[in-house]
Amino acid sequence: MHTQRTLAANARAGQQLYSQVTAQDTVLVMMQPSFAAWVNVVLPCVGGGARVVFGGVFTPAGFLEQLAAERVSLAPLVPTMWRMVLAE
């Protein structure tokens, strides 16, 4: 169970991990709703000022199209999803 305080602390701590993420970046999140994506990716990127884009149903072709259309600079995926994208 997270509190507002732990979520804010995680966002600040994640900024160290994603120290290069700035307001110029766009993050594409395909893994929603996912506690791991939210806590470990979305909150730190929001804390860094990045624009967050949420993808719809995952397909490799759709992911690649959205990646280009939104000019995404960070796109975390699980390994199986990356294998599907690389095969595409």
N, C-alpha and C. Protein backbone atom coordinates (compact mmCIF):
# COMPACT_ATOMS: atom_id res chain seq x y z
N MET A 1 0.84 -1.17 0.00
CA MET A 1 0.00 0.00 0.00
C MET A 1 0.90 1.24 0.00
N HIS A 2 0.69 2.09 -0.98
CA HIS A 2 1.47 3.33 -1.06
C HIS A 2 0.69 4.48 -0.45
N THR A 3 1.44 5.41 0.08
CA THR A 3 0.85 6.66 0.56
C THR A 3 1.30 7.76 -0.40
N GLN A 4 0.71 8.93 -0.27
CA GLN A 4 1.15 10.07 -1.08
C GLN A 4 2.64 10.34 -0.84
N ARG A 5 3.07 10.19 0.40
CA ARG A 5 4.46 10.45 0.76
C ARG A 5 5.41 9.46 0.06
N THR A 6 5.05 8.15 0.05
CA THR A 6 5.93 7.17 -0.59
C THR A 6 5.95 7.34 -2.10
N LEU A 7 4.82 7.71 -2.70
CA LEU A 7 4.79 7.94 -4.14
C LEU A 7 5.64 9.15 -4.52
N ALA A 8 5.55 10.21 -3.74
CA ALA A 8 6.37 11.40 -3.99
C ALA A 8 7.85 11.08 -3.80
N ALA A 9 8.17 10.30 -2.78
CA ALA A 9 9.56 9.91 -2.55
C ALA A 9 10.07 9.05 -3.69
N ASN A 10 9.25 8.16 -4.20
CA ASN A 10 9.65 7.32 -5.31
C ASN A 10 9.88 8.14 -6.58
N ALA A 11 9.04 9.13 -6.80
CA ALA A 11 9.22 10.00 -7.97
C ALA A 11 10.56 10.73 -7.88
N ARG A 12 10.88 11.24 -6.70
CA ARG A 12 12.17 11.93 -6.52
C ARG A 12 13.34 10.97 -6.68
N ALA A 13 13.24 9.77 -6.10
CA ALA A 13 14.32 8.78 -6.20
C ALA A 13 14.49 8.32 -7.64
N GLY A 14 13.38 8.14 -8.34
CA GLY A 14 13.44 7.71 -9.74
C GLY A 14 14.10 8.74 -10.64
N GLN A 15 14.05 10.01 -10.26
CA GLN A 15 14.70 11.04 -11.06
C GLN A 15 16.20 10.83 -11.10
N GLN A 16 16.76 10.22 -10.07
CA GLN A 16 18.19 9.90 -10.10
C GLN A 16 18.46 8.81 -11.13
N LEU A 17 17.58 7.80 -11.17
CA LEU A 17 17.72 6.72 -12.14
C LEU A 17 17.53 7.24 -13.56
N TYR A 18 16.52 8.08 -13.73
CA TYR A 18 16.22 8.66 -15.04
C TYR A 18 16.71 10.10 -15.08
N SER A 19 17.93 10.32 -14.66
CA SER A 19 18.45 11.69 -14.51
C SER A 19 18.50 12.46 -15.82
N GLN A 20 18.48 11.77 -16.94
CA GLN A 20 18.53 12.45 -18.23
C GLN A 20 17.15 12.85 -18.74
N VAL A 21 16.08 12.41 -18.08
CA VAL A 21 14.73 12.73 -18.52
C VAL A 21 14.41 14.18 -18.16
N THR A 22 13.96 14.92 -19.17
CA THR A 22 13.63 16.33 -18.98
C THR A 22 12.26 16.62 -19.59
N ALA A 23 11.88 17.87 -19.55
CA ALA A 23 10.61 18.30 -20.12
C ALA A 23 10.61 18.17 -21.65
N GLN A 24 11.77 17.94 -22.26
CA GLN A 24 11.84 17.74 -23.70
C GLN A 24 11.52 16.31 -24.11
N ASP A 25 11.43 15.41 -23.13
CA ASP A 25 11.21 13.99 -23.42
C ASP A 25 9.74 13.61 -23.45
N THR A 26 9.47 12.55 -24.20
CA THR A 26 8.15 11.93 -24.25
C THR A 26 8.31 10.45 -23.92
N VAL A 27 7.51 9.97 -22.99
CA VAL A 27 7.56 8.59 -22.54
C VAL A 27 6.29 7.89 -23.03
N LEU A 28 6.46 6.74 -23.69
CA LEU A 28 5.32 5.95 -24.15
C LEU A 28 5.13 4.78 -23.21
N VAL A 29 3.99 4.74 -22.52
CA VAL A 29 3.70 3.68 -21.56
C VAL A 29 2.66 2.74 -22.17
N MET A 30 3.07 1.52 -22.43
CA MET A 30 2.18 0.51 -23.01
C MET A 30 1.68 -0.47 -21.94
N MET A 31 2.26 -0.42 -20.75
CA MET A 31 1.96 -1.40 -19.71
C MET A 31 1.03 -0.80 -18.66
N GLN A 32 -0.19 -0.52 -19.02
CA GLN A 32 -1.11 0.04 -18.04
C GLN A 32 -2.32 -0.85 -17.89
N PRO A 33 -2.99 -0.84 -16.79
CA PRO A 33 -2.47 -0.27 -15.55
C PRO A 33 -1.51 -1.27 -14.91
N SER A 34 -0.39 -0.78 -14.53
CA SER A 34 0.63 -1.65 -13.95
C SER A 34 1.33 -0.90 -12.83
N PHE A 35 1.30 -1.47 -11.66
CA PHE A 35 1.95 -0.79 -10.54
C PHE A 35 3.42 -0.55 -10.83
N ALA A 36 4.08 -1.50 -11.51
CA ALA A 36 5.51 -1.34 -11.80
C ALA A 36 5.73 -0.19 -12.77
N ALA A 37 4.90 -0.11 -13.80
CA ALA A 37 5.05 0.98 -14.77
C ALA A 37 4.79 2.33 -14.11
N TRP A 38 3.75 2.40 -13.31
CA TRP A 38 3.41 3.67 -12.67
C TRP A 38 4.48 4.11 -11.69
N VAL A 39 4.83 3.25 -10.77
CA VAL A 39 5.74 3.63 -9.70
C VAL A 39 7.17 3.78 -10.20
N ASN A 40 7.60 2.91 -11.09
CA ASN A 40 9.00 2.91 -11.50
C ASN A 40 9.29 3.68 -12.77
N VAL A 41 8.29 4.01 -13.56
CA VAL A 41 8.52 4.74 -14.80
C VAL A 41 7.73 6.03 -14.85
N VAL A 42 6.43 5.94 -14.71
CA VAL A 42 5.59 7.13 -14.91
C VAL A 42 5.88 8.21 -13.88
N LEU A 43 5.85 7.90 -12.60
CA LEU A 43 6.07 8.93 -11.59
C LEU A 43 7.44 9.61 -11.71
N PRO A 44 8.55 8.86 -11.87
CA PRO A 44 9.83 9.54 -12.04
C PRO A 44 9.88 10.41 -13.29
N CYS A 45 9.25 9.97 -14.37
CA CYS A 45 9.27 10.77 -15.61
C CYS A 45 8.42 12.01 -15.47
N VAL A 46 7.28 11.89 -14.82
CA VAL A 46 6.46 13.06 -14.53
C VAL A 46 7.24 14.02 -13.64
N GLY A 47 7.94 13.45 -12.65
CA GLY A 47 8.77 14.28 -11.77
C GLY A 47 9.85 15.02 -12.52
N GLY A 48 10.33 14.42 -13.61
CA GLY A 48 11.35 15.06 -14.44
C GLY A 48 10.77 16.01 -15.46
N GLY A 49 9.43 16.09 -15.50
CA GLY A 49 8.78 17.02 -16.41
C GLY A 49 8.47 16.47 -17.78
N ALA A 50 8.69 15.17 -17.99
CA ALA A 50 8.46 14.57 -19.31
C ALA A 50 6.97 14.50 -19.63
N ARG A 51 6.67 14.46 -20.91
CA ARG A 51 5.30 14.24 -21.37
C ARG A 51 5.09 12.73 -21.40
N VAL A 52 3.97 12.26 -20.87
CA VAL A 52 3.68 10.84 -20.82
C VAL A 52 2.51 10.55 -21.77
N VAL A 53 2.72 9.58 -22.66
CA VAL A 53 1.71 9.15 -23.61
C VAL A 53 1.36 7.70 -23.29
N PHE A 54 0.08 7.40 -23.22
CA PHE A 54 -0.37 6.05 -22.93
C PHE A 54 -0.83 5.38 -24.21
N GLY A 55 -0.24 4.22 -24.50
CA GLY A 55 -0.61 3.47 -25.68
C GLY A 55 -1.89 2.69 -25.44
N GLY A 56 -2.48 2.24 -26.52
CA GLY A 56 -3.69 1.41 -26.43
C GLY A 56 -3.32 -0.05 -26.37
N VAL A 57 -4.09 -0.85 -27.06
CA VAL A 57 -3.81 -2.29 -27.13
C VAL A 57 -2.47 -2.48 -27.83
N PHE A 58 -1.60 -3.29 -27.25
CA PHE A 58 -0.26 -3.45 -27.82
C PHE A 58 -0.26 -4.36 -29.04
N THR A 59 0.27 -3.81 -30.11
CA THR A 59 0.68 -4.60 -31.27
C THR A 59 2.02 -4.03 -31.68
N PRO A 60 2.94 -4.85 -32.17
CA PRO A 60 4.24 -4.33 -32.56
C PRO A 60 4.15 -3.20 -33.59
N ALA A 61 3.32 -3.38 -34.61
CA ALA A 61 3.20 -2.35 -35.65
C ALA A 61 2.60 -1.07 -35.08
N GLY A 62 1.58 -1.19 -34.26
CA GLY A 62 0.97 -0.02 -33.63
C GLY A 62 1.93 0.70 -32.72
N PHE A 63 2.72 -0.06 -31.98
CA PHE A 63 3.73 0.53 -31.10
C PHE A 63 4.73 1.35 -31.90
N LEU A 64 5.24 0.77 -32.98
CA LEU A 64 6.22 1.47 -33.81
C LEU A 64 5.63 2.73 -34.44
N GLU A 65 4.38 2.66 -34.86
CA GLU A 65 3.72 3.84 -35.42
C GLU A 65 3.59 4.95 -34.38
N GLN A 66 3.16 4.57 -33.18
CA GLN A 66 3.00 5.57 -32.12
C GLN A 66 4.34 6.12 -31.67
N LEU A 67 5.36 5.28 -31.67
CA LEU A 67 6.71 5.71 -31.31
C LEU A 67 7.16 6.85 -32.22
N ALA A 68 6.94 6.68 -33.52
CA ALA A 68 7.34 7.71 -34.49
C ALA A 68 6.43 8.93 -34.42
N ALA A 69 5.12 8.71 -34.35
CA ALA A 69 4.16 9.82 -34.37
C ALA A 69 4.32 10.74 -33.17
N GLU A 70 4.61 10.18 -32.02
CA GLU A 70 4.72 10.98 -30.79
C GLU A 70 6.14 11.44 -30.51
N ARG A 71 7.09 11.04 -31.36
CA ARG A 71 8.51 11.39 -31.16
C ARG A 71 8.98 10.98 -29.75
N VAL A 72 8.77 9.71 -29.46
CA VAL A 72 9.04 9.15 -28.14
C VAL A 72 10.55 9.00 -27.91
N SER A 73 10.99 9.39 -26.72
CA SER A 73 12.40 9.24 -26.36
C SER A 73 12.63 8.14 -25.32
N LEU A 74 11.58 7.65 -24.69
CA LEU A 74 11.70 6.57 -23.71
C LEU A 74 10.46 5.69 -23.84
N ALA A 75 10.70 4.40 -24.05
CA ALA A 75 9.58 3.47 -24.23
C ALA A 75 9.89 2.15 -23.52
N PRO A 76 9.58 2.06 -22.24
CA PRO A 76 9.84 0.82 -21.52
C PRO A 76 8.84 -0.27 -21.90
N LEU A 77 9.37 -1.45 -22.16
CA LEU A 77 8.55 -2.63 -22.46
C LEU A 77 9.12 -3.83 -21.72
N VAL A 78 8.32 -4.84 -21.54
CA VAL A 78 8.82 -6.09 -20.97
C VAL A 78 9.55 -6.85 -22.09
N PRO A 79 10.44 -7.78 -21.76
CA PRO A 79 11.22 -8.48 -22.78
C PRO A 79 10.40 -9.12 -23.90
N THR A 80 9.28 -9.74 -23.57
CA THR A 80 8.46 -10.37 -24.60
C THR A 80 7.98 -9.34 -25.62
N MET A 81 7.59 -8.17 -25.14
CA MET A 81 7.14 -7.12 -26.04
C MET A 81 8.28 -6.65 -26.95
N TRP A 82 9.49 -6.50 -26.38
CA TRP A 82 10.65 -6.09 -27.19
C TRP A 82 10.95 -7.13 -28.26
N ARG A 83 10.85 -8.40 -27.93
CA ARG A 83 11.08 -9.46 -28.93
C ARG A 83 10.08 -9.33 -30.08
N MET A 84 8.84 -9.06 -29.74
CA MET A 84 7.81 -8.89 -30.78
C MET A 84 8.10 -7.66 -31.65
N VAL A 85 8.54 -6.58 -31.03
CA VAL A 85 8.86 -5.36 -31.79
C VAL A 85 10.06 -5.61 -32.69
N LEU A 86 11.09 -6.25 -32.18
CA LEU A 86 12.29 -6.53 -32.99
C LEU A 86 11.98 -7.46 -34.15
N ALA A 87 11.07 -8.40 -33.93
CA ALA A 87 10.67 -9.31 -35.01
C ALA A 87 9.87 -8.58 -36.09
N GLU A 88 9.15 -7.53 -35.69
CA GLU A 88 8.35 -6.75 -36.62
C GLU A 88 9.24 -6.01 -37.60
